[in-house]
Amino acid sequence: MGLWRNGVLGLDPHSAPKEWQRDGEIQVLVSEFKKKLKGEPNNLGKIWRKSSEIAAFTYMIPIFLLGCASVMASPQVPHMFKEYFGEGRAYIMQGTMDGASGLLGLIFISAMGKLSDVQGRKAWVIVTGILQMVPGLVFTVVPNNLWFYFVANIICGAFTGTLSTCTAAVSDISSGIRRTRLIGAVLSFTGLSLIVMPIIAGNLNLVQARNGIIACAALLFVFVTFISPETLPEVRFRYLRFS
C-alpha cells in the first residue's frame, strides 16, 4: 500500500482498491493544504469541492456549533421563567414562546430554502445560524427582563433553516447511497451536540454561557466563510465564495 501511494510501482490509481484510492486522495489533500499555508499556488479549492465527503463534513461543524449554542443557557431558562412570570404562568409562557417560534419556522422554512437557492448555501448557513443563536445571547445579556428573550425567540424562529440548508448543500454534491449516508451524518451532529453540551451547560453561569454563545457564533462565521465550499455553481453573493 505504501509503495502504491508513493507511486513507486507506477500503478494506475483507478485500478487500485478503493481504500487505497482514498488514502491517496487524503495525501493529495494534505499536500495541497501545505502549499496553501506556504502561499504557493494550489488546487485545494477544486479538490475541496469535488470531494463530497470532505465538503459535507464542513457543513456538519456549523450544525454542531449551533446545537451547542442553542442549549448553552437552556438549563437556566425554566427556573428564570418561574421567577419572572410566576410558577402558574411560567409553563404557559414558555409553551407559547416555543409554539409561536415553531409556527414561524414552519411558515418561513420554504422561503429560507428558496433564498439559499439564489444567494448560496454558505450565506444562509451563516445568517440563519447566527440569528438562531441570538435568543440565547439575549437571555444571558438581559436576564432580568425575559420579555426580550421571549420576543427574540419568537422572531428568530422564522430563521430556523440552518439544518435544512446544510442538508441541501450535501444534496448538491452527492447522490444515491452516498447522499443518504452523508445527510445521516449531518443529522447525527445535531444529536451529538444535544448529548454533549447539556452536560457542560449545566455547570455554566450566565457570563460563561454568554461567552460560549459568542464563541460559537464567531467560529461558525469564520469556518463557513473560509472553509465550507459553496455547493451551488452560481450565487449572487460572490464575496462569500473563498474556495
C-alpha atoms as a PDB file:
ATOM      1  CA  MET A   1       0.000   0.000   0.000  1.00  0.00           C
ATOM      2  CA  GLY A   2       2.755   2.461   0.925  1.00  0.00           C
ATOM      3  CA  LEU A   3       4.606   1.719  -2.326  1.00  0.00           C
ATOM      4  CA  TRP A   4       1.420   2.263  -4.347  1.00  0.00           C
ATOM      5  CA  ARG A   5       0.618   5.563  -2.603  1.00  0.00           C
ATOM      6  CA  ASN A   6       4.119   6.871  -3.276  1.00  0.00           C
ATOM      7  CA  GLY A   7       3.832   5.924  -6.924  1.00  0.00           C
ATOM      8  CA  VAL A   8       6.884   3.659  -6.838  1.00  0.00           C
ATOM      9  CA  LEU A   9       5.099   0.796  -8.568  1.00  0.00           C
ATOM     10  CA  GLY A  10       3.668   3.066 -11.254  1.00  0.00           C
ATOM     11  CA  LEU A  11       0.177   1.590 -10.998  1.00  0.00           C
ATOM     12  CA  ASP A  12      -2.899   3.265 -12.395  1.00  0.00           C
ATOM     13  CA  PRO A  13      -4.729   4.837  -9.381  1.00  0.00           C
ATOM     14  CA  HIS A  14      -8.104   3.770 -10.831  1.00  0.00           C
ATOM     15  CA  SER A  15      -7.074   0.101 -10.762  1.00  0.00           C
ATOM     16  CA  ALA A  16      -6.215   0.164  -7.076  1.00  0.00           C
ATOM     17  CA  PRO A  17      -8.608  -0.873  -4.297  1.00  0.00           C
ATOM     18  CA  LYS A  18     -10.967   1.874  -3.119  1.00  0.00           C
ATOM     19  CA  GLU A  19      -9.387   2.150   0.329  1.00  0.00           C
ATOM     20  CA  TRP A  20      -6.003   2.737  -1.335  1.00  0.00           C
ATOM     21  CA  GLN A  21      -7.510   5.407  -3.566  1.00  0.00           C
ATOM     22  CA  ARG A  22      -8.988   7.140  -0.529  1.00  0.00           C
ATOM     23  CA  ASP A  23      -5.597   7.149   1.227  1.00  0.00           C
ATOM     24  CA  GLY A  24      -4.101   8.673  -1.919  1.00  0.00           C
ATOM     25  CA  GLU A  25      -6.763  11.384  -2.016  1.00  0.00           C
ATOM     26  CA  ILE A  26      -6.004  12.278   1.602  1.00  0.00           C
ATOM     27  CA  GLN A  27      -2.294  12.573   0.831  1.00  0.00           C
ATOM     28  CA  VAL A  28      -3.011  14.868  -2.117  1.00  0.00           C
ATOM     29  CA  LEU A  29      -5.311  16.990   0.054  1.00  0.00           C
ATOM     30  CA  VAL A  30      -2.674  17.329   2.789  1.00  0.00           C
ATOM     31  CA  SER A  31      -0.050  18.238   0.190  1.00  0.00           C
ATOM     32  CA  GLU A  32      -2.237  20.948  -1.357  1.00  0.00           C
ATOM     33  CA  PHE A  33      -3.125  22.311   2.099  1.00  0.00           C
ATOM     34  CA  LYS A  34       0.585  22.643   2.937  1.00  0.00           C
ATOM     35  CA  LYS A  35       1.068  24.589  -0.308  1.00  0.00           C
ATOM     36  CA  LYS A  36      -1.749  26.939   0.668  1.00  0.00           C
ATOM     37  CA  LEU A  37      -0.196  27.554   4.097  1.00  0.00           C
ATOM     38  CA  LYS A  38       3.098  28.430   2.385  1.00  0.00           C
ATOM     39  CA  GLY A  39       1.323  30.806  -0.020  1.00  0.00           C
ATOM     40  CA  GLU A  40       2.181  28.674  -3.051  1.00  0.00           C
ATOM     41  CA  PRO A  41      -0.234  28.012  -5.980  1.00  0.00           C
ATOM     42  CA  ASN A  42      -2.503  25.094  -5.157  1.00  0.00           C
ATOM     43  CA  ASN A  43      -5.642  23.241  -6.221  1.00  0.00           C
ATOM     44  CA  LEU A  44      -7.168  22.973  -2.756  1.00  0.00           C
ATOM     45  CA  GLY A  45     -10.409  24.724  -3.766  1.00  0.00           C
ATOM     46  CA  LYS A  46     -11.053  22.311  -6.650  1.00  0.00           C
ATOM     47  CA  ILE A  47     -10.302  19.242  -4.545  1.00  0.00           C
ATOM     48  CA  TRP A  48     -12.463  20.617  -1.717  1.00  0.00           C
ATOM     49  CA  ARG A  49     -15.490  20.931  -3.999  1.00  0.00           C
ATOM     50  CA  LYS A  50     -15.009  17.581  -5.754  1.00  0.00           C
ATOM     51  CA  SER A  51     -14.650  15.527  -2.573  1.00  0.00           C
ATOM     52  CA  SER A  52     -18.230  15.180  -1.362  1.00  0.00           C
ATOM     53  CA  GLU A  53     -17.225  13.620   1.971  1.00  0.00           C
ATOM     54  CA  ILE A  54     -14.913  16.484   2.887  1.00  0.00           C
ATOM     55  CA  ALA A  55     -17.330  19.158   1.668  1.00  0.00           C
ATOM     56  CA  ALA A  56     -20.188  17.537   3.592  1.00  0.00           C
ATOM     57  CA  PHE A  57     -18.075  17.435   6.753  1.00  0.00           C
ATOM     58  CA  THR A  58     -17.594  21.203   6.549  1.00  0.00           C
ATOM     59  CA  TYR A  59     -21.388  21.564   6.771  1.00  0.00           C
ATOM     60  CA  MET A  60     -21.579  19.285   9.824  1.00  0.00           C
ATOM     61  CA  ILE A  61     -19.473  21.592  12.009  1.00  0.00           C
ATOM     62  CA  PRO A  62     -21.952  24.548  11.794  1.00  0.00           C
ATOM     63  CA  ILE A  63     -24.765  22.203  12.872  1.00  0.00           C
ATOM     64  CA  PHE A  64     -22.713  21.090  15.861  1.00  0.00           C
ATOM     65  CA  LEU A  65     -21.851  24.689  16.822  1.00  0.00           C
ATOM     66  CA  LEU A  66     -25.485  25.754  16.504  1.00  0.00           C
ATOM     67  CA  GLY A  67     -26.624  22.865  18.679  1.00  0.00           C
ATOM     68  CA  CYS A  68     -24.049  23.779  21.317  1.00  0.00           C
ATOM     69  CA  ALA A  69     -25.030  27.464  21.336  1.00  0.00           C
ATOM     70  CA  SER A  70     -28.750  26.651  21.424  1.00  0.00           C
ATOM     71  CA  VAL A  71     -28.502  24.723  24.691  1.00  0.00           C
ATOM     72  CA  MET A  72     -25.742  26.790  26.312  1.00  0.00           C
ATOM     73  CA  ALA A  73     -28.148  28.745  28.533  1.00  0.00           C
ATOM     74  CA  SER A  74     -31.194  26.453  28.328  1.00  0.00           C
ATOM     75  CA  PRO A  75     -30.712  24.737  31.735  1.00  0.00           C
ATOM     76  CA  GLN A  76     -31.388  28.086  33.437  1.00  0.00           C
ATOM     77  CA  VAL A  77     -34.477  29.047  31.401  1.00  0.00           C
ATOM     78  CA  PRO A  78     -37.183  27.111  33.325  1.00  0.00           C
ATOM     79  CA  HIS A  79     -36.005  28.451  36.696  1.00  0.00           C
ATOM     80  CA  MET A  80     -35.785  32.029  35.406  1.00  0.00           C
ATOM     81  CA  PHE A  81     -39.249  31.779  33.851  1.00  0.00           C
ATOM     82  CA  LYS A  82     -40.715  30.649  37.171  1.00  0.00           C
ATOM     83  CA  GLU A  83     -39.096  33.562  38.985  1.00  0.00           C
ATOM     84  CA  TYR A  84     -40.122  36.169  36.406  1.00  0.00           C
ATOM     85  CA  PHE A  85     -43.634  35.062  35.358  1.00  0.00           C
ATOM     86  CA  GLY A  86     -44.608  33.131  38.451  1.00  0.00           C
ATOM     87  CA  GLU A  87     -44.999  29.385  38.798  1.00  0.00           C
ATOM     88  CA  GLY A  88     -48.564  29.452  37.499  1.00  0.00           C
ATOM     89  CA  ARG A  89     -47.729  31.241  34.228  1.00  0.00           C
ATOM     90  CA  ALA A  90     -44.184  30.023  33.572  1.00  0.00           C
ATOM     91  CA  TYR A  91     -45.103  26.893  31.615  1.00  0.00           C
ATOM     92  CA  ILE A  92     -47.828  28.706  29.680  1.00  0.00           C
ATOM     93  CA  MET A  93     -45.431  31.480  28.629  1.00  0.00           C
ATOM     94  CA  GLN A  94     -42.665  29.068  27.697  1.00  0.00           C
ATOM     95  CA  GLY A  95     -45.078  26.880  25.730  1.00  0.00           C
ATOM     96  CA  THR A  96     -46.489  29.935  23.940  1.00  0.00           C
ATOM     97  CA  MET A  97     -42.978  31.112  23.062  1.00  0.00           C
ATOM     98  CA  ASP A  98     -41.869  27.735  21.715  1.00  0.00           C
ATOM     99  CA  GLY A  99     -45.140  27.221  19.837  1.00  0.00           C
ATOM    100  CA  ALA A 100     -45.021  30.649  18.169  1.00  0.00           C
ATOM    101  CA  SER A 101     -41.360  30.170  17.279  1.00  0.00           C
ATOM    102  CA  GLY A 102     -42.106  26.781  15.725  1.00  0.00           C
ATOM    103  CA  LEU A 103     -45.070  28.197  13.792  1.00  0.00           C
ATOM    104  CA  LEU A 104     -42.930  30.954  12.267  1.00  0.00           C
ATOM    105  CA  GLY A 105     -40.323  28.346  11.355  1.00  0.00           C
ATOM    106  CA  LEU A 106     -42.994  26.276   9.604  1.00  0.00           C
ATOM    107  CA  ILE A 107     -44.227  29.325   7.671  1.00  0.00           C
ATOM    108  CA  PHE A 108     -40.846  30.663   6.579  1.00  0.00           C
ATOM    109  CA  ILE A 109     -38.805  27.476   6.087  1.00  0.00           C
ATOM    110  CA  SER A 110     -39.678  27.221   2.380  1.00  0.00           C
ATOM    111  CA  ALA A 111     -38.718  30.866   1.858  1.00  0.00           C
ATOM    112  CA  MET A 112     -35.359  30.192   3.533  1.00  0.00           C
ATOM    113  CA  GLY A 113     -34.807  27.328   1.089  1.00  0.00           C
ATOM    114  CA  LYS A 114     -35.600  29.462  -1.944  1.00  0.00           C
ATOM    115  CA  LEU A 115     -33.295  32.240  -0.728  1.00  0.00           C
ATOM    116  CA  SER A 116     -30.456  29.762  -0.254  1.00  0.00           C
ATOM    117  CA  ASP A 117     -31.024  28.557  -3.841  1.00  0.00           C
ATOM    118  CA  VAL A 118     -30.477  32.116  -5.089  1.00  0.00           C
ATOM    119  CA  GLN A 119     -27.926  33.575  -2.681  1.00  0.00           C
ATOM    120  CA  GLY A 120     -25.929  30.482  -1.839  1.00  0.00           C
ATOM    121  CA  ARG A 121     -25.799  27.851   0.882  1.00  0.00           C
ATOM    122  CA  LYS A 122     -22.909  29.493   2.712  1.00  0.00           C
ATOM    123  CA  ALA A 123     -24.658  32.840   3.077  1.00  0.00           C
ATOM    124  CA  TRP A 124     -27.776  31.323   4.576  1.00  0.00           C
ATOM    125  CA  VAL A 125     -25.959  28.926   6.878  1.00  0.00           C
ATOM    126  CA  ILE A 126     -24.226  31.983   8.330  1.00  0.00           C
ATOM    127  CA  VAL A 127     -27.357  34.160   8.518  1.00  0.00           C
ATOM    128  CA  THR A 128     -29.711  31.542   9.946  1.00  0.00           C
ATOM    129  CA  GLY A 129     -27.081  30.009  12.219  1.00  0.00           C
ATOM    130  CA  ILE A 130     -26.117  33.279  13.893  1.00  0.00           C
ATOM    131  CA  LEU A 131     -29.708  34.510  14.157  1.00  0.00           C
ATOM    132  CA  GLN A 132     -30.717  31.281  15.885  1.00  0.00           C
ATOM    133  CA  MET A 133     -28.046  31.988  18.497  1.00  0.00           C
ATOM    134  CA  VAL A 134     -29.422  35.470  19.224  1.00  0.00           C
ATOM    135  CA  PRO A 135     -32.188  34.403  21.700  1.00  0.00           C
ATOM    136  CA  GLY A 136     -29.690  32.622  23.950  1.00  0.00           C
ATOM    137  CA  LEU A 137     -27.400  35.639  23.821  1.00  0.00           C
ATOM    138  CA  VAL A 138     -30.290  37.979  24.688  1.00  0.00           C
ATOM    139  CA  PHE A 139     -31.209  35.728  27.620  1.00  0.00           C
ATOM    140  CA  THR A 140     -27.696  35.930  29.061  1.00  0.00           C
ATOM    141  CA  VAL A 141     -27.357  39.703  28.477  1.00  0.00           C
ATOM    142  CA  VAL A 142     -30.775  40.760  29.820  1.00  0.00           C
ATOM    143  CA  PRO A 143     -31.734  38.068  32.356  1.00  0.00           C
ATOM    144  CA  ASN A 144     -33.816  40.472  34.433  1.00  0.00           C
ATOM    145  CA  ASN A 145     -36.354  41.143  31.669  1.00  0.00           C
ATOM    146  CA  LEU A 146     -37.386  37.913  29.964  1.00  0.00           C
ATOM    147  CA  TRP A 147     -39.735  39.713  27.572  1.00  0.00           C
ATOM    148  CA  PHE A 148     -36.692  40.487  25.418  1.00  0.00           C
ATOM    149  CA  TYR A 149     -35.847  36.786  25.308  1.00  0.00           C
ATOM    150  CA  PHE A 150     -39.496  35.909  24.680  1.00  0.00           C
ATOM    151  CA  VAL A 151     -39.764  38.219  21.661  1.00  0.00           C
ATOM    152  CA  ALA A 152     -36.286  37.370  20.276  1.00  0.00           C
ATOM    153  CA  ASN A 153     -37.046  33.653  20.443  1.00  0.00           C
ATOM    154  CA  ILE A 154     -40.289  34.069  18.505  1.00  0.00           C
ATOM    155  CA  ILE A 155     -38.824  36.359  15.819  1.00  0.00           C
ATOM    156  CA  CYS A 156     -35.711  34.224  15.292  1.00  0.00           C
ATOM    157  CA  GLY A 157     -37.960  31.199  14.878  1.00  0.00           C
ATOM    158  CA  ALA A 158     -38.520  32.432  11.320  1.00  0.00           C
ATOM    159  CA  PHE A 159     -34.843  31.697  10.576  1.00  0.00           C
ATOM    160  CA  THR A 160     -34.727  28.041  11.638  1.00  0.00           C
ATOM    161  CA  GLY A 161     -33.299  26.968   8.300  1.00  0.00           C
ATOM    162  CA  THR A 162     -29.711  26.070   9.157  1.00  0.00           C
ATOM    163  CA  LEU A 163     -30.210  22.315   9.248  1.00  0.00           C
ATOM    164  CA  SER A 164     -32.255  22.247   6.040  1.00  0.00           C
ATOM    165  CA  THR A 165     -29.701  24.465   4.273  1.00  0.00           C
ATOM    166  CA  CYS A 166     -26.844  22.190   5.342  1.00  0.00           C
ATOM    167  CA  THR A 167     -28.678  19.092   4.130  1.00  0.00           C
ATOM    168  CA  ALA A 168     -29.429  20.907   0.860  1.00  0.00           C
ATOM    169  CA  ALA A 169     -25.714  21.657   0.483  1.00  0.00           C
ATOM    170  CA  VAL A 170     -24.923  17.971   0.969  1.00  0.00           C
ATOM    171  CA  SER A 171     -27.586  17.057  -1.607  1.00  0.00           C
ATOM    172  CA  ASP A 172     -25.958  19.426  -4.116  1.00  0.00           C
ATOM    173  CA  ILE A 173     -22.701  17.476  -4.108  1.00  0.00           C
ATOM    174  CA  SER A 174     -23.830  13.873  -3.659  1.00  0.00           C
ATOM    175  CA  SER A 175     -26.284  11.329  -4.996  1.00  0.00           C
ATOM    176  CA  GLY A 176     -27.693   7.877  -4.332  1.00  0.00           C
ATOM    177  CA  ILE A 177     -26.493   5.914  -1.325  1.00  0.00           C
ATOM    178  CA  ARG A 178     -23.705   8.404  -0.648  1.00  0.00           C
ATOM    179  CA  ARG A 179     -26.248  11.216  -0.267  1.00  0.00           C
ATOM    180  CA  THR A 180     -28.269   9.185   2.228  1.00  0.00           C
ATOM    181  CA  ARG A 181     -25.168   8.395   4.258  1.00  0.00           C
ATOM    182  CA  LEU A 182     -23.902  11.974   4.304  1.00  0.00           C
ATOM    183  CA  ILE A 183     -27.260  13.506   5.237  1.00  0.00           C
ATOM    184  CA  GLY A 184     -27.495  10.971   8.065  1.00  0.00           C
ATOM    185  CA  ALA A 185     -24.052  12.078   9.233  1.00  0.00           C
ATOM    186  CA  VAL A 186     -25.143  15.746   9.195  1.00  0.00           C
ATOM    187  CA  LEU A 187     -28.192  14.914  11.305  1.00  0.00           C
ATOM    188  CA  SER A 188     -26.059  12.905  13.719  1.00  0.00           C
ATOM    189  CA  PHE A 189     -24.044  16.023  14.561  1.00  0.00           C
ATOM    190  CA  THR A 190     -27.232  17.662  15.840  1.00  0.00           C
ATOM    191  CA  GLY A 191     -27.756  14.735  18.182  1.00  0.00           C
ATOM    192  CA  LEU A 192     -24.094  14.818  19.219  1.00  0.00           C
ATOM    193  CA  SER A 193     -24.334  18.457  20.290  1.00  0.00           C
ATOM    194  CA  LEU A 194     -27.549  17.761  22.230  1.00  0.00           C
ATOM    195  CA  ILE A 195     -25.829  14.914  24.068  1.00  0.00           C
ATOM    196  CA  VAL A 196     -22.530  16.593  24.886  1.00  0.00           C
ATOM    197  CA  MET A 197     -23.486  20.216  25.511  1.00  0.00           C
ATOM    198  CA  PRO A 198     -26.217  19.889  28.201  1.00  0.00           C
ATOM    199  CA  ILE A 199     -23.690  18.115  30.444  1.00  0.00           C
ATOM    200  CA  ILE A 200     -21.372  21.120  30.160  1.00  0.00           C
ATOM    201  CA  ALA A 201     -24.122  23.783  30.116  1.00  0.00           C
ATOM    202  CA  GLY A 202     -25.498  22.641  33.463  1.00  0.00           C
ATOM    203  CA  ASN A 203     -22.279  23.875  35.124  1.00  0.00           C
ATOM    204  CA  LEU A 204     -22.134  27.291  33.411  1.00  0.00           C
ATOM    205  CA  ASN A 205     -23.241  30.626  34.824  1.00  0.00           C
ATOM    206  CA  LEU A 206     -24.799  33.345  32.638  1.00  0.00           C
ATOM    207  CA  VAL A 207     -21.486  35.061  31.855  1.00  0.00           C
ATOM    208  CA  GLN A 208     -19.839  31.799  30.816  1.00  0.00           C
ATOM    209  CA  ALA A 209     -22.880  30.845  28.725  1.00  0.00           C
ATOM    210  CA  ARG A 210     -22.822  34.249  27.004  1.00  0.00           C
ATOM    211  CA  ASN A 211     -19.125  33.925  26.180  1.00  0.00           C
ATOM    212  CA  GLY A 212     -19.726  30.404  24.880  1.00  0.00           C
ATOM    213  CA  ILE A 213     -22.532  31.545  22.568  1.00  0.00           C
ATOM    214  CA  ILE A 214     -20.401  34.397  21.213  1.00  0.00           C
ATOM    215  CA  ALA A 215     -17.515  31.964  20.612  1.00  0.00           C
ATOM    216  CA  CYS A 216     -19.823  29.529  18.761  1.00  0.00           C
ATOM    217  CA  ALA A 217     -21.189  32.358  16.568  1.00  0.00           C
ATOM    218  CA  ALA A 218     -17.675  33.580  15.741  1.00  0.00           C
ATOM    219  CA  LEU A 219     -16.450  30.063  14.951  1.00  0.00           C
ATOM    220  CA  LEU A 220     -19.478  29.398  12.744  1.00  0.00           C
ATOM    221  CA  PHE A 221     -18.913  32.612  10.774  1.00  0.00           C
ATOM    222  CA  VAL A 222     -15.190  32.040  10.275  1.00  0.00           C
ATOM    223  CA  PHE A 223     -15.497  28.329   9.498  1.00  0.00           C
ATOM    224  CA  VAL A 224     -18.304  28.631   6.960  1.00  0.00           C
ATOM    225  CA  THR A 225     -16.848  31.734   5.309  1.00  0.00           C
ATOM    226  CA  PHE A 226     -13.312  30.436   4.861  1.00  0.00           C
ATOM    227  CA  ILE A 227     -13.602  26.624   4.936  1.00  0.00           C
ATOM    228  CA  SER A 228     -17.004  25.433   3.683  1.00  0.00           C
ATOM    229  CA  PRO A 229     -17.227  25.363  -0.130  1.00  0.00           C
ATOM    230  CA  GLU A 230     -20.180  26.924  -1.943  1.00  0.00           C
ATOM    231  CA  THR A 231     -22.025  23.941  -3.403  1.00  0.00           C
ATOM    232  CA  LEU A 232     -24.067  25.889  -5.947  1.00  0.00           C
ATOM    233  CA  PRO A 233     -22.374  26.790  -9.252  1.00  0.00           C
ATOM    234  CA  GLU A 234     -23.582  30.402  -9.312  1.00  0.00           C
ATOM    235  CA  VAL A 235     -24.629  32.613  -6.409  1.00  0.00           C
ATOM    236  CA  ARG A 236     -25.206  36.343  -6.189  1.00  0.00           C
ATOM    237  CA  PHE A 237     -23.188  36.930  -3.015  1.00  0.00           C
ATOM    238  CA  ARG A 238     -19.840  36.076  -4.553  1.00  0.00           C
ATOM    239  CA  TYR A 239     -17.898  37.739  -1.717  1.00  0.00           C
ATOM    240  CA  LEU A 240     -18.720  34.666   0.410  1.00  0.00           C
ATOM    241  CA  ARG A 241     -17.044  32.312  -2.070  1.00  0.00           C
ATOM    242  CA  PHE A 242     -13.488  31.965  -0.802  1.00  0.00           C
ATOM    243  CA  SER A 243     -12.925  28.425  -2.029  1.00  0.00           C
END
